[in-house]
Protein backbone atom coordinates (compact mmCIF):
# COMPACT_ATOMS: atom_id res chain seq x y z
CA MET A 1 -0.13 16.07 -18.90
CA THR A 2 -3.33 17.35 -17.14
CA ALA A 3 -3.87 16.54 -13.63
CA SER A 4 -6.37 14.52 -14.47
CA ASP A 5 -5.19 11.93 -16.64
CA GLN A 6 -2.15 11.77 -14.50
CA LYS A 7 -1.39 8.29 -13.19
CA VAL A 8 -0.83 7.64 -9.56
CA VAL A 9 0.60 5.23 -7.68
CA ILE A 10 0.40 3.93 -3.91
CA VAL A 11 3.57 2.67 -2.57
CA THR A 12 3.96 0.90 0.77
CA GLY A 13 7.06 -0.05 2.73
CA ALA A 14 8.43 3.18 0.49
CA SER A 15 11.15 4.72 2.68
CA ARG A 16 14.05 3.05 1.84
CA GLY A 17 15.14 0.07 -0.16
CA ILE A 18 13.05 -1.68 -2.24
CA GLY A 19 10.13 0.82 -1.77
CA ALA A 20 12.35 3.84 -2.14
CA GLY A 21 13.20 2.11 -5.39
CA VAL A 22 10.23 1.74 -6.70
CA VAL A 23 8.91 5.23 -6.11
CA GLU A 24 11.52 6.42 -8.19
CA GLY A 25 10.90 4.37 -10.74
CA TYR A 26 7.02 5.45 -11.24
CA ARG A 27 8.26 9.00 -11.12
CA LYS A 28 10.73 8.34 -14.06
CA LEU A 29 7.05 7.27 -15.66
CA GLY A 30 5.84 10.64 -14.57
CA HIS A 31 3.46 9.01 -12.08
CA ALA A 32 2.28 10.74 -8.91
CA VAL A 33 3.32 8.86 -5.71
CA VAL A 34 1.42 8.48 -2.46
CA ALA A 35 4.37 6.88 -0.28
CA THR A 36 4.09 5.22 3.18
CA SER A 37 5.74 3.47 5.83
CA ARG A 38 6.16 3.88 9.76
CA SER A 39 9.20 6.35 9.29
CA ILE A 40 8.80 8.14 5.99
CA GLY A 41 9.34 12.04 6.23
CA PRO A 42 7.90 14.90 3.88
CA SER A 43 9.38 14.87 0.40
CA ASP A 44 10.60 17.65 -1.82
CA ASP A 45 9.10 16.30 -4.86
CA PRO A 46 5.63 18.15 -5.35
CA GLN A 47 4.35 15.02 -6.88
CA VAL A 48 5.60 12.31 -4.09
CA HIS A 49 3.04 12.99 -0.99
CA THR A 50 4.06 11.22 1.98
CA VAL A 51 1.77 9.50 4.34
CA PRO A 52 3.49 8.05 7.85
CA GLY A 53 1.95 4.73 9.80
CA ASP A 54 1.91 1.32 10.64
CA LEU A 55 -0.81 -0.63 7.94
CA ALA A 56 -1.18 -2.74 10.60
CA ASP A 57 -3.19 -0.38 11.90
CA PRO A 58 -6.47 0.24 9.25
CA ARG A 59 -6.61 3.59 9.95
CA THR A 60 -3.32 4.06 8.14
CA ALA A 61 -4.95 2.17 5.01
CA GLU A 62 -7.99 4.93 4.96
CA ARG A 63 -5.61 7.79 5.83
CA VAL A 64 -3.01 6.76 2.57
CA VAL A 65 -6.08 6.01 0.13
CA ASP A 66 -7.97 9.12 1.13
CA ALA A 67 -4.77 11.38 0.78
CA ALA A 68 -4.56 9.92 -2.83
CA LEU A 69 -8.04 10.98 -3.83
CA GLU A 70 -7.69 14.32 -2.00
CA ARG A 71 -4.41 15.32 -3.36
CA PHE A 72 -4.32 13.51 -6.95
CA GLY A 73 -7.91 12.44 -7.47
CA ARG A 74 -7.50 8.77 -8.34
CA VAL A 75 -5.40 5.42 -7.78
CA ASP A 76 -4.31 3.61 -10.58
CA THR A 77 -1.51 1.46 -8.87
CA LEU A 78 -1.14 -0.15 -5.49
CA VAL A 79 2.19 -1.42 -4.73
CA ASN A 80 2.06 -3.72 -1.91
CA ASN A 81 5.91 -3.46 -0.59
CA ALA A 82 5.83 -3.03 3.01
CA GLY A 83 6.29 -6.27 5.03
CA SER A 84 7.91 -8.02 7.80
CA PHE A 85 10.75 -11.34 7.46
CA LEU A 86 11.90 -13.47 10.74
CA ALA A 87 13.68 -16.41 10.22
CA LYS A 88 13.35 -18.65 12.99
CA PRO A 89 13.42 -22.13 13.65
CA PHE A 90 9.38 -22.75 13.96
CA THR A 91 9.13 -23.77 17.99
CA ALA A 92 11.28 -20.60 18.38
CA TYR A 93 8.53 -17.97 16.73
CA THR A 94 6.53 -16.21 19.83
CA ASP A 95 3.02 -15.24 19.94
CA ASP A 96 4.51 -11.54 19.37
CA ASP A 97 6.49 -12.90 16.15
CA PHE A 98 2.97 -14.09 14.92
CA ALA A 99 1.11 -11.15 15.75
CA ALA A 100 3.41 -8.80 14.63
CA MET A 101 3.95 -10.51 10.96
CA VAL A 102 0.42 -11.11 10.55
CA GLY A 103 -0.41 -7.77 11.30
CA LEU A 104 1.47 -6.33 8.81
CA ASN A 105 2.25 -8.85 6.01
CA LEU A 106 -1.68 -10.16 6.11
CA ALA A 107 -4.27 -6.89 7.45
CA GLY A 108 -2.03 -4.33 6.16
CA PHE A 109 -2.61 -6.16 2.62
CA PHE A 110 -6.30 -6.32 3.23
CA GLY A 111 -6.58 -2.94 4.67
CA ILE A 112 -4.93 -0.82 2.15
CA THR A 113 -5.62 -3.54 -0.97
CA ARG A 114 -9.43 -3.61 -0.14
CA ARG A 115 -9.32 0.30 0.04
CA ALA A 116 -7.41 0.81 -3.33
CA VAL A 117 -9.10 -1.78 -5.24
CA ALA A 118 -12.68 -0.61 -4.28
CA ARG A 119 -11.46 2.53 -5.97
CA MET A 120 -10.59 1.01 -9.31
CA LEU A 121 -13.34 -0.75 -9.62
CA GLU A 122 -15.21 2.33 -9.34
CA GLN A 123 -12.75 3.73 -12.06
CA GLY A 124 -13.09 0.46 -14.37
CA SER A 125 -9.14 0.26 -14.01
CA GLY A 126 -6.10 0.03 -12.39
CA HIS A 127 -3.53 -2.49 -11.03
CA VAL A 128 -2.19 -4.48 -8.05
CA VAL A 129 1.66 -5.51 -7.19
CA THR A 130 2.72 -7.40 -4.39
CA LEU A 131 6.07 -8.06 -3.28
CA THR A 132 6.22 -11.56 -1.61
CA THR A 133 9.11 -14.45 -1.27
CA SER A 134 10.24 -17.61 -3.25
CA LEU A 135 10.75 -19.34 0.10
CA VAL A 136 6.64 -19.66 0.06
CA GLU A 137 7.39 -22.21 -3.16
CA HIS A 138 10.90 -23.26 -2.51
CA PRO A 139 11.87 -23.68 1.31
CA MET A 140 15.98 -23.92 2.44
CA ARG A 141 17.01 -25.31 5.62
CA ALA A 142 19.35 -22.50 5.81
CA VAL A 143 16.76 -20.51 6.39
CA PRO A 144 14.04 -21.51 8.66
CA SER A 145 10.97 -19.15 7.45
CA VAL A 146 7.80 -20.47 8.45
CA LEU A 147 6.33 -17.50 9.37
CA ALA A 148 7.27 -15.70 6.06
CA SER A 149 5.67 -18.94 4.29
CA LEU A 150 2.57 -18.69 6.09
CA THR A 151 1.98 -14.93 5.67
CA LYS A 152 3.37 -14.12 1.93
CA GLY A 153 2.22 -17.55 0.99
CA GLY A 154 -1.32 -16.05 1.56
CA LEU A 155 -0.63 -13.23 -0.49
CA ASP A 156 0.92 -15.24 -3.58
CA ALA A 157 -2.42 -17.00 -3.35
CA ALA A 158 -4.64 -14.16 -2.65
CA THR A 159 -3.04 -12.33 -6.17
CA ARG A 160 -4.39 -15.21 -8.43
CA SER A 161 -8.09 -15.37 -6.63
CA LEU A 162 -8.34 -11.63 -6.92
CA ALA A 163 -6.70 -11.48 -10.28
CA ILE A 164 -9.61 -14.00 -11.40
CA GLU A 165 -12.67 -11.54 -9.28
CA CYS A 166 -11.30 -8.67 -11.12
CA ALA A 167 -10.15 -10.03 -14.63
CA GLY A 168 -13.78 -8.68 -16.36
CA SER A 169 -13.39 -5.03 -14.82
CA GLY A 170 -10.42 -3.57 -15.89
CA VAL A 171 -8.13 -4.55 -12.78
CA ARG A 172 -5.26 -6.75 -13.14
CA VAL A 173 -3.37 -8.19 -10.11
CA ASN A 174 0.26 -9.66 -10.02
CA ALA A 175 2.99 -10.22 -7.61
CA VAL A 176 6.74 -10.14 -7.54
CA SER A 177 8.72 -12.43 -5.85
CA PRO A 178 12.25 -11.50 -5.27
CA GLY A 179 15.15 -13.63 -3.72
CA ILE A 180 17.36 -11.62 -1.19
CA ILE A 181 18.09 -7.97 -2.61
CA LYS A 182 21.06 -5.55 -1.46
CA THR A 183 19.05 -3.70 0.65
CA PRO A 184 19.88 -1.59 3.98
CA MET A 185 18.27 -4.83 5.66
CA HIS A 186 21.29 -6.83 4.85
CA PRO A 187 24.49 -6.25 6.77
CA VAL A 188 27.40 -5.88 3.97
CA GLU A 189 29.43 -9.19 6.32
CA ALA A 190 26.29 -11.29 5.61
CA HIS A 191 26.44 -10.48 1.53
CA GLU A 192 28.84 -13.56 0.46
CA ALA A 193 26.81 -16.13 2.10
CA TYR A 194 23.51 -14.62 0.93
CA ALA A 195 24.99 -14.84 -2.57
CA GLY A 196 25.35 -18.58 -1.99
CA LEU A 197 21.79 -18.73 -1.45
CA HIS A 198 21.36 -18.00 -5.09
CA PRO A 199 21.76 -20.52 -7.93
CA LEU A 200 23.01 -17.48 -10.02
CA GLY A 201 25.82 -16.71 -7.24
CA ARG A 202 25.08 -13.59 -6.50
CA MET A 203 22.21 -11.02 -4.58
CA GLY A 204 19.90 -9.20 -6.43
CA GLU A 205 19.82 -5.49 -6.93
CA ILE A 206 17.15 -3.00 -6.07
CA ASP A 207 16.87 -2.14 -9.40
CA GLU A 208 16.27 -5.55 -10.74
CA ILE A 209 13.27 -5.32 -8.40
CA VAL A 210 12.19 -1.94 -9.72
CA HIS A 211 12.00 -3.06 -13.59
CA ALA A 212 9.95 -6.72 -12.64
CA VAL A 213 6.97 -4.08 -11.27
CA LEU A 214 7.67 -1.84 -14.38
CA TYR A 215 7.06 -4.60 -16.46
CA LEU A 216 4.19 -5.77 -14.89
CA GLU A 217 2.56 -2.16 -15.09
CA SER A 218 3.33 -2.12 -18.76
CA ALA A 219 1.95 -5.97 -19.62
CA THR A 220 -1.64 -5.20 -20.12
CA PHE A 221 -2.16 -8.87 -21.03
CA VAL A 222 -0.35 -10.42 -17.71
CA THR A 223 -2.79 -10.71 -14.62
CA GLY A 224 -2.78 -13.62 -11.65
CA GLU A 225 1.29 -13.78 -11.94
CA THR A 226 4.10 -14.35 -9.76
CA LEU A 227 7.07 -13.18 -11.35
CA HIS A 228 10.09 -14.43 -9.73
CA VAL A 229 13.12 -12.06 -9.63
CA ASP A 230 15.42 -14.62 -7.36
CA GLY A 231 18.54 -15.53 -9.05
CA GLY A 232 16.83 -18.97 -9.92
CA GLN A 233 15.48 -20.06 -6.16
CA SER A 234 12.62 -20.75 -7.06
CA ALA A 235 13.67 -23.19 -9.76
CA GLY A 236 15.66 -25.10 -7.20
CA HIS A 237 19.15 -25.79 -6.22
């Protein structure tokens, strides 16, 4: 494979958990990766270029996309994994909570997706995958999450809208809607309780989300789809 035909993926929230798993999955496919998060450090892999920064700042999005073009010459896929989740009763949310979740979940998505899609449209090909949450469609009393639904619900709707806008241009747009996944953000002592929130009776594994993202990568007749990987949450309880 030459540098000119190697596929290039941008992965946000890439330093740990699902994001780190997605980076590994795409590297196994032979993609070059531009990985970003607030805390990410350098990579030993010459085909993984890291860009630290906060996506709530639009300058970070500009640096990430510019790095992909300067280092690898193209952008084929964007995986919008970075996001914030805060479970509180609605009236307990603060103005700072609102600003933080809108800043990362919505403004962060907007800044980097707009720049990446512009490049994909120039190329005549590309793919965007965004991580949402099944709480958007199936709220649970046990997990008060209005701000997650407000912001991630916007991403779910934007996925379909952007997919149709780009459908004639060679650019596909999809989403993956996870349940609660075993990542470092969830303490082990809470796993049993979280497992009980899924009809299948367990939490999801990082690899199961990675497999869903990579399926959508290869599914060239799929666009505007939200793929639920949530142990049955979206179907009911």
